[in-house]
Amino acid sequence: MTLALIDYGAGNLHSVANALKAAGATDVAITADPDLVRRADRIVLPGVGAFGACAAALRGVPGMVDALDQRVRHDGVPFLGICVGMQLMAEIGEEMGEHAGLGWIEGRVRLLTPSDPAAKVPHMGWNDVRPTCPHPLIEAGEAYFLHSYAFEGADVVATTDHAGPVVAAIARDNMAGVQFHPEKSQRYGLALLERFLEWRP
């Protein structure tokens, strides 16, 4: 089973790769090769930084968005987006202007606006993950978050609280995305990655 970990210059690649291996993945390919993505059995899209820069970097890899569309949306292989990788599943991101996402899940990524001014942005550190509906990947627990923008839209399967509800995970069919960092979330994160490796959507 080949797992493609997408390298587009905007991810925490080696930490994610090491976490996937610790969770049991035996063939993790860190890749910017769309042909390899088209053959992959599972795909992970990490992301660190600003939405617009990440979207531009992903589109800057020739053939990558088409390969992701083919393998994820048409062939139905299991997909996991992490942090900005999750946000890129949305239609639009509003960080430093409006930028088009992949458009896989209806929604926008907007600046976090906690109801309590004492709640700092970025939202950083450990926080609860609270499932809003059953999903095979998402369980209740604590995970590590670091973000200033958050998804608002459809297919929410978990939230957290930062002076108000904040989307922690989204999912539809074979696609899932988490706002937190599994690779920094110790046992909780490793358990999620283990479930992802076994997931048969």
Protein backbone atom coordinates (compact mmCIF):
# COMPACT_ATOMS: atom_id res chain seq x y z
CA MET A 1 0.00 0.00 0.00
CA THR A 2 1.58 3.26 -1.15
CA LEU A 3 0.74 6.40 0.80
CA ALA A 4 1.48 9.66 -1.03
CA LEU A 5 2.42 12.53 1.28
CA ILE A 6 2.13 15.58 -0.93
CA ASP A 7 5.25 17.77 -1.10
CA TYR A 8 4.42 21.26 -2.34
CA GLY A 9 6.78 23.22 -0.14
CA ALA A 10 4.17 24.05 2.48
CA GLY A 11 4.01 21.15 4.88
CA ASN A 12 5.52 19.69 8.01
CA LEU A 13 6.57 16.73 5.86
CA HIS A 14 9.11 14.82 7.87
CA SER A 15 7.20 15.06 11.15
CA VAL A 16 4.05 13.84 9.40
CA ALA A 17 5.96 11.06 7.61
CA ASN A 18 7.51 9.91 10.90
CA ALA A 19 4.10 9.91 12.60
CA LEU A 20 2.58 7.88 9.75
CA LYS A 21 5.39 5.34 10.03
CA ALA A 22 4.92 5.18 13.80
CA ALA A 23 1.23 4.51 13.14
CA GLY A 24 2.14 1.55 10.92
CA ALA A 25 2.57 2.90 7.38
CA THR A 26 5.26 0.94 5.57
CA ASP A 27 5.45 2.78 2.25
CA VAL A 28 5.28 6.56 2.68
CA ALA A 29 6.30 8.44 -0.46
CA ILE A 30 7.00 12.15 0.08
CA THR A 31 6.24 13.27 -3.44
CA ALA A 32 5.62 16.12 -5.85
CA ASP A 33 5.09 13.63 -8.71
CA PRO A 34 1.49 13.59 -9.97
CA ASP A 35 2.05 10.21 -11.63
CA LEU A 36 2.88 8.65 -8.27
CA VAL A 37 -0.18 10.34 -6.76
CA ARG A 38 -2.33 8.74 -9.46
CA ARG A 39 -1.09 5.32 -8.32
CA ALA A 40 -1.26 5.94 -4.56
CA ASP A 41 -3.58 3.91 -2.35
CA ARG A 42 -3.91 6.71 0.24
CA ILE A 43 -3.13 10.42 0.14
CA VAL A 44 -2.20 12.88 2.89
CA LEU A 45 -2.07 16.63 2.22
CA PRO A 46 -0.27 18.55 4.98
CA GLY A 47 -0.12 22.32 5.18
CA VAL A 48 1.59 25.01 7.22
CA GLY A 49 1.34 28.75 6.56
CA ALA A 50 -1.12 31.08 4.87
CA PHE A 51 -4.01 29.68 2.83
CA GLY A 52 -3.28 31.72 -0.32
CA ALA A 53 0.41 30.85 -0.37
CA CYS A 54 -0.34 27.17 0.16
CA ALA A 55 -3.01 27.15 -2.57
CA ALA A 56 -0.61 28.85 -4.99
CA ALA A 57 2.19 26.43 -4.10
CA LEU A 58 -0.06 23.41 -4.66
CA ARG A 59 -1.22 24.76 -8.02
CA GLY A 60 2.41 25.51 -8.84
CA VAL A 61 3.23 21.79 -8.98
CA PRO A 62 2.45 20.85 -12.60
CA GLY A 63 -0.42 18.35 -12.82
CA MET A 64 -0.81 17.93 -9.05
CA VAL A 65 -4.31 19.36 -8.60
CA ASP A 66 -5.60 17.28 -11.53
CA ALA A 67 -3.97 14.17 -10.08
CA LEU A 68 -5.51 14.82 -6.67
CA ASP A 69 -8.93 15.40 -8.25
CA GLN A 70 -8.67 12.17 -10.22
CA ARG A 71 -7.47 9.97 -7.39
CA VAL A 72 -9.51 11.44 -4.54
CA ARG A 73 -12.75 12.62 -6.09
CA HIS A 74 -13.12 10.16 -8.95
CA ASP A 75 -11.26 7.05 -7.81
CA GLY A 76 -12.28 7.44 -4.17
CA VAL A 77 -9.00 6.65 -2.39
CA PRO A 78 -8.83 7.63 1.29
CA PHE A 79 -7.63 11.22 1.73
CA LEU A 80 -6.58 13.15 4.83
CA GLY A 81 -5.94 16.91 4.90
CA ILE A 82 -3.99 18.28 7.87
CA CYS A 83 -4.26 21.89 9.12
CA VAL A 84 -4.01 24.10 6.00
CA GLY A 85 -4.29 20.86 4.02
CA MET A 86 -7.78 20.55 5.48
CA GLN A 87 -8.56 24.20 4.81
CA LEU A 88 -7.59 23.78 1.14
CA MET A 89 -10.53 21.35 0.77
CA ALA A 90 -12.82 24.41 1.05
CA GLU A 91 -14.02 26.63 -1.78
CA ILE A 92 -12.48 29.91 -0.61
CA GLY A 93 -9.89 31.11 1.88
CA GLU A 94 -9.98 34.70 3.13
CA GLU A 95 -6.42 34.97 4.47
CA MET A 96 -4.69 38.00 2.89
CA GLY A 97 -7.38 38.37 0.23
CA GLU A 98 -9.73 35.81 -1.28
CA HIS A 99 -8.13 32.69 -2.73
CA ALA A 100 -9.72 29.66 -4.37
CA GLY A 101 -9.33 26.34 -2.60
CA LEU A 102 -9.83 22.90 -4.12
CA GLY A 103 -13.61 23.26 -3.77
CA TRP A 104 -14.16 19.71 -2.50
CA ILE A 105 -16.25 20.76 0.52
CA GLU A 106 -18.66 23.71 0.55
CA GLY A 107 -17.32 26.40 2.83
CA ARG A 108 -14.93 29.25 3.48
CA VAL A 109 -11.87 29.66 5.68
CA ARG A 110 -12.23 32.82 7.77
CA LEU A 111 -10.28 34.62 10.48
CA LEU A 112 -10.94 33.24 13.94
CA THR A 113 -13.04 35.72 15.91
CA PRO A 114 -13.47 34.44 19.48
CA SER A 115 -16.40 35.91 21.41
CA ASP A 116 -14.09 36.63 24.36
CA PRO A 117 -11.31 39.18 23.62
CA ALA A 118 -9.10 37.36 26.12
CA ALA A 119 -9.03 34.31 23.83
CA LYS A 120 -5.89 34.80 21.78
CA VAL A 121 -5.43 34.34 18.05
CA PRO A 122 -3.71 32.24 16.88
CA HIS A 123 -5.49 29.40 18.66
CA MET A 124 -2.45 27.50 19.90
CA GLY A 125 -2.02 24.48 22.12
CA TRP A 126 -3.99 21.47 23.32
CA ASN A 127 -7.76 21.52 23.10
CA ASP A 128 -10.67 19.10 23.08
CA VAL A 129 -11.88 17.43 19.90
CA ARG A 130 -15.64 16.97 20.21
CA PRO A 131 -17.32 14.78 17.57
CA THR A 132 -20.60 16.21 16.28
CA CYS A 133 -21.61 13.00 14.51
CA PRO A 134 -20.14 9.51 14.24
CA HIS A 135 -17.16 9.13 11.90
CA PRO A 136 -14.72 6.21 11.73
CA LEU A 137 -11.66 8.47 11.98
CA ILE A 138 -12.72 10.97 14.64
CA GLU A 139 -12.94 10.20 18.34
CA ALA A 140 -13.24 12.45 21.36
CA GLY A 141 -9.95 13.47 22.89
CA GLU A 142 -7.32 16.19 23.04
CA ALA A 143 -5.23 17.36 20.09
CA TYR A 144 -2.69 20.07 19.34
CA PHE A 145 -3.92 23.10 17.39
CA LEU A 146 -2.05 26.02 15.81
CA HIS A 147 -4.09 28.26 13.50
CA SER A 148 -5.51 31.76 13.05
CA TYR A 149 -8.11 30.91 10.39
CA ALA A 150 -10.85 28.31 10.58
CA PHE A 151 -13.22 26.49 8.24
CA GLU A 152 -16.91 27.43 8.20
CA GLY A 153 -19.23 25.33 6.07
CA ALA A 154 -20.59 21.85 5.36
CA ASP A 155 -19.68 18.33 6.47
CA VAL A 156 -18.39 19.20 9.95
CA VAL A 157 -17.74 16.07 12.03
CA ALA A 158 -15.99 17.61 15.07
CA THR A 159 -15.53 20.95 16.78
CA THR A 160 -13.35 22.41 19.49
CA ASP A 161 -13.94 25.45 21.70
CA HIS A 162 -11.99 28.69 21.59
CA ALA A 163 -14.42 31.18 23.13
CA GLY A 164 -17.00 29.68 20.81
CA PRO A 165 -17.17 26.62 18.56
CA VAL A 166 -14.38 26.13 16.02
CA VAL A 167 -14.35 23.41 13.36
CA ALA A 168 -11.85 20.69 14.26
CA ALA A 169 -12.63 18.14 11.52
CA ILE A 170 -14.61 17.80 8.29
CA ALA A 171 -15.38 14.71 6.24
CA ARG A 172 -17.35 13.49 3.27
CA ASP A 173 -17.22 10.04 1.66
CA ASN A 174 -13.51 9.13 1.29
CA MET A 175 -12.25 12.60 2.26
CA ALA A 176 -11.42 13.82 5.75
CA GLY A 177 -9.62 16.85 7.09
CA VAL A 178 -8.44 17.83 10.57
CA GLN A 179 -7.58 21.35 11.71
CA PHE A 180 -5.27 20.03 14.41
CA HIS A 181 -1.87 18.41 13.95
CA PRO A 182 -2.00 14.61 14.48
CA GLU A 183 1.81 14.48 14.27
CA LYS A 184 2.01 16.78 17.32
CA SER A 185 -0.91 15.22 19.20
CA GLN A 186 0.94 12.29 20.76
CA ARG A 187 -1.15 9.18 21.41
CA TYR A 188 -4.41 10.78 20.22
CA GLY A 189 -2.84 11.76 16.91
CA LEU A 190 -1.14 8.41 16.35
CA ALA A 191 -4.42 6.61 17.01
CA LEU A 192 -6.16 8.78 14.41
CA LEU A 193 -3.44 8.02 11.86
CA GLU A 194 -3.75 4.30 12.65
CA ARG A 195 -7.48 4.51 11.93
CA PHE A 196 -6.76 6.37 8.68
CA LEU A 197 -4.39 3.61 7.55
CA GLU A 198 -7.13 1.02 8.15
CA TRP A 199 -10.01 3.16 6.78
CA ARG A 200 -12.08 1.58 4.00
CA PRO A 201 -14.60 4.29 3.06
